[in-house]
Amino acid sequence: MKHPRKIKLILPRVQLRLVAAFLCLSAIALFMQYMLLMSVLTKTASELPHDGLLLMDGLGPLLGQIFLVSAGVIMPLTLMVGILATHRLVGPIYRFKVFLKQVADGERPADCKLRQGDELQDVCDLINAATAPVRKRPNEIVQAREPAKPELRAAG
């Protein structure tokens, strides 16, 4: 990549909201796995002719430990992957914001360009096409006109 982004949280609010959704989904999946495993092992323990109660007694702490280790591995990985996945989407959105602000402020920036591999390349092309007429105009000084004031006549 020619100019890799060094800052991974470009729009932190947006990225962290998306990553929070990923984390919630991972937590729900881990909890479901825990519940299903607990259910199957409890059923299996109850059907054992001997030592079923002993197995059921040890299931809670054992599965709790497995759940915590799994969450300790999965959640940080989900956080990292979530930030990296949103990076290629949020980076272009940030670039669009900067570009459109320049155009709105009357500047005439060169065409909007994204890094290779970024998402929304087609949107960038569309923004360039939509703003090209405005960016190619000669600099015009737009002065706000004051509303016409009615002349006051002196009553005589």
Protein backbone atom coordinates (compact mmCIF):
# COMPACT_ATOMS: atom_id res chain seq x y z
CA MET A 1 0.00 0.00 0.00
CA LYS A 2 1.37 3.38 -0.96
CA HIS A 3 0.06 5.40 2.01
CA PRO A 4 -1.11 3.04 4.75
CA ARG A 5 -3.30 4.54 7.44
CA LYS A 6 -1.52 4.70 10.75
CA ILE A 7 -4.55 5.66 12.79
CA LYS A 8 -6.93 2.71 13.03
CA LEU A 9 -9.77 4.56 14.78
CA ILE A 10 -10.48 7.20 12.15
CA LEU A 11 -14.06 7.88 13.23
CA PRO A 12 -13.98 6.37 16.72
CA ARG A 13 -17.68 6.80 17.49
CA VAL A 14 -18.81 4.96 14.36
CA GLN A 15 -16.12 2.30 14.52
CA LEU A 16 -16.60 1.57 18.21
CA ARG A 17 -20.37 1.25 17.75
CA LEU A 18 -19.83 -1.30 14.97
CA VAL A 19 -17.20 -3.15 17.00
CA ALA A 20 -19.54 -3.15 20.02
CA ALA A 21 -22.12 -4.89 17.84
CA PHE A 22 -19.48 -7.49 16.86
CA LEU A 23 -18.55 -7.97 20.51
CA CYS A 24 -22.19 -8.42 21.53
CA LEU A 25 -22.68 -10.99 18.79
CA SER A 26 -19.57 -12.88 19.94
CA ALA A 27 -20.72 -12.76 23.57
CA ILE A 28 -24.15 -14.12 22.60
CA ALA A 29 -22.52 -16.91 20.58
CA LEU A 30 -20.21 -17.82 23.48
CA PHE A 31 -23.10 -17.81 25.94
CA MET A 32 -25.18 -20.02 23.63
CA GLN A 33 -22.27 -22.47 23.34
CA TYR A 34 -21.95 -22.50 27.13
CA MET A 35 -25.66 -23.16 27.61
CA LEU A 36 -25.81 -25.89 24.96
CA LEU A 37 -22.71 -27.62 26.32
CA MET A 38 -24.04 -27.39 29.88
CA SER A 39 -27.39 -28.83 28.75
CA VAL A 40 -25.86 -31.76 26.86
CA LEU A 41 -23.42 -32.63 29.62
CA THR A 42 -26.10 -32.38 32.31
CA LYS A 43 -28.36 -34.69 30.31
CA THR A 44 -25.48 -37.11 29.76
CA ALA A 45 -24.54 -37.01 33.47
CA SER A 46 -28.12 -37.69 34.52
CA GLU A 47 -28.21 -40.80 32.31
CA LEU A 48 -25.00 -42.28 33.72
CA PRO A 49 -25.56 -45.29 35.96
CA HIS A 50 -22.75 -44.34 38.35
CA ASP A 51 -21.05 -41.07 39.27
CA GLY A 52 -23.53 -38.92 37.32
CA LEU A 53 -24.04 -36.70 40.35
CA LEU A 54 -20.30 -36.32 40.75
CA LEU A 55 -19.96 -35.20 37.12
CA MET A 56 -22.89 -32.78 37.47
CA ASP A 57 -21.32 -31.32 40.60
CA GLY A 58 -18.08 -30.49 38.72
CA LEU A 59 -19.72 -29.20 35.53
CA GLY A 60 -20.47 -25.66 36.71
CA PRO A 61 -16.93 -24.60 37.63
CA LEU A 62 -15.38 -26.51 34.72
CA LEU A 63 -17.67 -24.99 32.08
CA GLY A 64 -17.38 -21.57 33.73
CA GLN A 65 -13.61 -21.75 33.37
CA ILE A 66 -13.93 -22.88 29.73
CA PHE A 67 -16.33 -19.98 29.09
CA LEU A 68 -13.95 -17.42 30.64
CA VAL A 69 -10.92 -18.70 28.71
CA SER A 70 -12.92 -18.71 25.47
CA ALA A 71 -14.19 -15.18 26.11
CA GLY A 72 -10.66 -14.06 27.00
CA VAL A 73 -9.44 -15.26 23.61
CA ILE A 74 -12.45 -14.50 21.40
CA MET A 75 -13.34 -11.01 22.65
CA PRO A 76 -9.93 -9.36 22.04
CA LEU A 77 -9.72 -11.06 18.65
CA THR A 78 -13.20 -9.81 17.81
CA LEU A 79 -12.18 -6.31 18.87
CA MET A 80 -9.06 -6.34 16.69
CA VAL A 81 -10.79 -7.87 13.68
CA GLY A 82 -13.72 -5.46 14.10
CA ILE A 83 -11.46 -2.42 14.09
CA LEU A 84 -9.52 -3.67 11.08
CA ALA A 85 -12.72 -4.58 9.21
CA THR A 86 -14.31 -1.19 9.83
CA HIS A 87 -11.06 0.58 8.94
CA ARG A 88 -11.49 0.05 5.19
CA LEU A 89 -15.06 1.32 5.37
CA VAL A 90 -14.75 4.22 7.79
CA GLY A 91 -11.53 5.56 6.23
CA PRO A 92 -13.28 6.35 2.94
CA ILE A 93 -16.22 7.90 4.80
CA TYR A 94 -13.79 10.18 6.63
CA ARG A 95 -12.13 11.07 3.30
CA PHE A 96 -15.55 11.92 1.82
CA LYS A 97 -16.30 14.19 4.79
CA VAL A 98 -13.02 16.06 4.40
CA PHE A 99 -13.42 16.35 0.62
CA LEU A 100 -17.04 17.55 0.76
CA LYS A 101 -16.19 20.06 3.50
CA GLN A 102 -13.47 21.48 1.24
CA VAL A 103 -15.95 21.79 -1.62
CA ALA A 104 -18.59 23.35 0.65
CA ASP A 105 -16.01 25.87 1.90
CA GLY A 106 -15.40 27.01 -1.68
CA GLU A 107 -12.08 25.25 -2.15
CA ARG A 108 -11.38 23.42 -5.36
CA PRO A 109 -9.68 20.19 -4.29
CA ALA A 110 -8.39 17.65 -6.78
CA ASP A 111 -10.48 14.55 -7.36
CA CYS A 112 -11.28 12.50 -4.30
CA LYS A 113 -9.06 9.41 -4.25
CA LEU A 114 -9.10 6.41 -1.95
CA ARG A 115 -6.39 3.94 -1.10
CA GLN A 116 -6.24 0.70 -3.02
CA GLY A 117 -8.32 -1.92 -1.23
CA ASP A 118 -10.64 0.60 0.44
CA GLU A 119 -14.35 0.06 0.10
CA LEU A 120 -16.72 2.57 -1.55
CA GLN A 121 -14.54 3.27 -4.62
CA ASP A 122 -17.72 3.64 -6.69
CA VAL A 123 -19.11 6.22 -4.25
CA CYS A 124 -15.86 8.19 -4.55
CA ASP A 125 -16.25 8.23 -8.34
CA LEU A 126 -19.84 9.41 -7.96
CA ILE A 127 -18.81 12.20 -5.55
CA ASN A 128 -16.15 13.30 -8.05
CA ALA A 129 -18.71 13.37 -10.86
CA ALA A 130 -21.25 15.26 -8.76
CA THR A 131 -18.80 17.89 -7.52
CA ALA A 132 -16.83 18.33 -10.76
CA PRO A 133 -18.96 21.24 -12.08
CA VAL A 134 -18.62 23.11 -8.80
CA ARG A 135 -14.89 22.45 -8.51
CA LYS A 136 -14.19 23.55 -12.10
CA ARG A 137 -15.97 26.91 -11.80
CA PRO A 138 -13.76 29.96 -11.52
CA ASN A 139 -13.60 31.32 -8.02
CA GLU A 140 -16.69 33.36 -7.52
CA ILE A 141 -17.03 35.66 -4.61
CA VAL A 142 -20.51 35.32 -3.32
CA GLN A 143 -21.60 38.31 -1.32
CA ALA A 144 -24.65 38.21 0.79
CA ARG A 145 -27.04 40.86 -0.33
CA GLU A 146 -28.75 42.96 2.24
CA PRO A 147 -32.50 43.06 1.92
CA ALA A 148 -33.76 46.26 0.36
CA LYS A 149 -34.78 48.77 3.00
CA PRO A 150 -37.76 50.93 2.31
CA GLU A 151 -36.90 54.58 2.32
CA LEU A 152 -38.42 56.44 5.13
CA ARG A 153 -39.98 59.77 4.30
CA ALA A 154 -40.14 62.48 6.80
CA ALA A 155 -43.72 63.45 7.47
CA GLY A 156 -44.09 67.06 6.85
